Amino acid sequence: MKQFENSQYYYHNTPQLIMEEVIKMCKFVASKNKQLIFITPPFTKSYLELSNTFNIKGKEYWQKVIKECKENKAIVLDWSKDDNYKNNYKYFYDYIHLNQEGNKIFMKDLYKTLQRL
């Protein structure tokens, strides 16, 4: 978590640059009459709390990305705040990355969700 606190994973312009590229991608895919599936993986409660503390701007950017993607007919699957994951630290290698067990469970959840689409 020290890396996150010391901004080694975060650069102030990164969320906006990523946002712009994802929106471009959503628009491009829609222009080709295809449908993009935008997936946000699960995070721990600790990561979400820390992320909200350090990165309010980033949260606003991602809300805009999701809105723009939906407007361009993308499917948005958001597990970022899913209770089955955020409080189960046993599924994570650290506060943000799923471990092998968490990855297996997430892949099963994702597969089931994609089958229903």
Protein backbone atom coordinates (compact mmCIF):
# COMPACT_ATOMS: atom_id res chain seq x y z
CA MET A 1 0.00 0.00 0.00
CA LYS A 2 3.01 2.27 0.50
CA GLN A 3 3.48 2.41 -3.27
CA PHE A 4 -0.05 3.73 -3.68
CA GLU A 5 0.36 6.24 -0.87
CA ASN A 6 3.66 7.43 -2.36
CA SER A 7 1.96 7.87 -5.75
CA GLN A 8 4.06 5.21 -7.48
CA TYR A 9 0.89 3.84 -9.07
CA TYR A 10 -0.72 7.20 -9.66
CA TYR A 11 0.23 10.13 -11.80
CA HIS A 12 -2.06 13.15 -11.74
CA ASN A 13 -2.71 13.21 -15.48
CA THR A 14 -3.10 9.43 -15.87
CA PRO A 15 -6.86 9.11 -15.13
CA GLN A 16 -7.77 11.77 -17.66
CA LEU A 17 -5.51 10.29 -20.35
CA ILE A 18 -6.89 6.80 -19.76
CA MET A 19 -10.44 8.16 -19.74
CA GLU A 20 -9.95 9.88 -23.09
CA GLU A 21 -8.52 6.73 -24.67
CA VAL A 22 -11.27 4.47 -23.35
CA ILE A 23 -13.95 6.87 -24.61
CA LYS A 24 -12.25 6.93 -28.04
CA MET A 25 -12.24 3.13 -28.02
CA CYS A 26 -15.95 2.97 -27.09
CA LYS A 27 -16.83 5.38 -29.91
CA PHE A 28 -14.64 3.54 -32.43
CA VAL A 29 -16.16 0.14 -31.60
CA ALA A 30 -19.69 1.60 -31.81
CA SER A 31 -18.85 3.17 -35.20
CA LYS A 32 -18.06 -0.34 -36.47
CA ASN A 33 -21.49 -1.58 -35.31
CA LYS A 34 -19.87 -3.73 -32.64
CA GLN A 35 -20.50 -3.79 -28.94
CA LEU A 36 -17.71 -3.30 -26.42
CA ILE A 37 -17.82 -5.02 -23.04
CA PHE A 38 -16.19 -2.81 -20.41
CA ILE A 39 -15.20 -4.77 -17.29
CA THR A 40 -14.13 -3.27 -13.98
CA PRO A 41 -12.51 -5.94 -11.77
CA PRO A 42 -13.14 -6.38 -8.05
CA PHE A 43 -11.23 -4.39 -5.45
CA THR A 44 -10.94 -4.63 -1.68
CA LYS A 45 -12.75 -2.30 0.66
CA SER A 46 -9.38 -0.92 1.82
CA TYR A 47 -8.37 -0.05 -1.74
CA LEU A 48 -11.70 1.67 -2.40
CA GLU A 49 -11.39 3.74 0.79
CA LEU A 50 -7.80 4.72 0.03
CA SER A 51 -8.65 5.40 -3.60
CA ASN A 52 -11.47 7.73 -2.55
CA THR A 53 -9.11 9.56 -0.20
CA PHE A 54 -6.31 10.10 -2.71
CA ASN A 55 -8.07 10.19 -6.02
CA ILE A 56 -11.42 11.98 -6.08
CA LYS A 57 -10.69 13.27 -9.61
CA GLY A 58 -10.05 9.75 -10.88
CA LYS A 59 -13.43 8.61 -9.58
CA GLU A 60 -15.12 11.43 -11.49
CA TYR A 61 -13.23 10.46 -14.66
CA TRP A 62 -14.35 6.83 -14.44
CA GLN A 63 -17.97 7.84 -13.88
CA LYS A 64 -17.70 9.84 -17.11
CA VAL A 65 -16.11 6.88 -18.92
CA ILE A 66 -18.92 4.57 -17.86
CA LYS A 67 -21.56 7.11 -18.92
CA GLU A 68 -19.89 7.66 -22.32
CA CYS A 69 -19.46 3.92 -22.90
CA LYS A 70 -23.12 3.25 -22.13
CA GLU A 71 -24.13 6.08 -24.50
CA ASN A 72 -22.10 4.28 -27.17
CA LYS A 73 -23.95 1.02 -26.52
CA ALA A 74 -21.15 -0.63 -24.57
CA ILE A 75 -22.00 -3.19 -21.92
CA VAL A 76 -20.54 -2.17 -18.56
CA LEU A 77 -19.84 -4.94 -16.06
CA ASP A 78 -18.68 -3.44 -12.80
CA TRP A 79 -17.35 -5.64 -10.02
CA SER A 80 -15.34 -2.85 -8.38
CA LYS A 81 -17.63 -2.63 -5.34
CA ASP A 82 -19.07 -6.15 -5.32
CA ASP A 83 -19.65 -7.28 -1.72
CA ASN A 84 -18.61 -10.85 -2.56
CA TYR A 85 -15.10 -9.58 -3.17
CA LYS A 86 -14.47 -6.27 -1.42
CA ASN A 87 -14.68 -7.79 2.08
CA ASN A 88 -12.95 -11.08 1.22
CA TYR A 89 -9.27 -10.30 1.49
CA LYS A 90 -8.51 -14.00 1.06
CA TYR A 91 -9.17 -13.48 -2.67
CA PHE A 92 -6.48 -10.83 -3.04
CA TYR A 93 -2.72 -10.87 -3.29
CA ASP A 94 -2.68 -7.28 -2.09
CA TYR A 95 -5.36 -4.58 -1.82
CA ILE A 96 -5.99 -4.43 -5.58
CA HIS A 97 -4.77 -7.61 -7.30
CA LEU A 98 -6.69 -10.88 -7.18
CA ASN A 99 -4.73 -13.93 -6.12
CA GLN A 100 -5.09 -17.33 -7.79
CA GLU A 101 -8.17 -18.30 -5.75
CA GLY A 102 -9.81 -14.91 -6.33
CA ASN A 103 -9.03 -15.06 -10.04
CA LYS A 104 -10.68 -18.49 -10.38
CA ILE A 105 -13.83 -17.29 -8.64
CA PHE A 106 -13.92 -14.05 -10.64
CA MET A 107 -13.47 -15.91 -13.94
CA LYS A 108 -16.41 -18.17 -13.06
CA ASP A 109 -18.55 -15.13 -12.21
CA LEU A 110 -17.50 -13.39 -15.42
CA TYR A 111 -18.18 -16.49 -17.52
CA LYS A 112 -21.69 -16.87 -16.04
CA THR A 113 -22.42 -13.19 -16.65
CA LEU A 114 -21.18 -13.32 -20.25
CA GLN A 115 -23.32 -16.41 -20.92
CA ARG A 116 -26.42 -14.43 -19.89
CA LEU A 117 -25.70 -11.61 -22.35
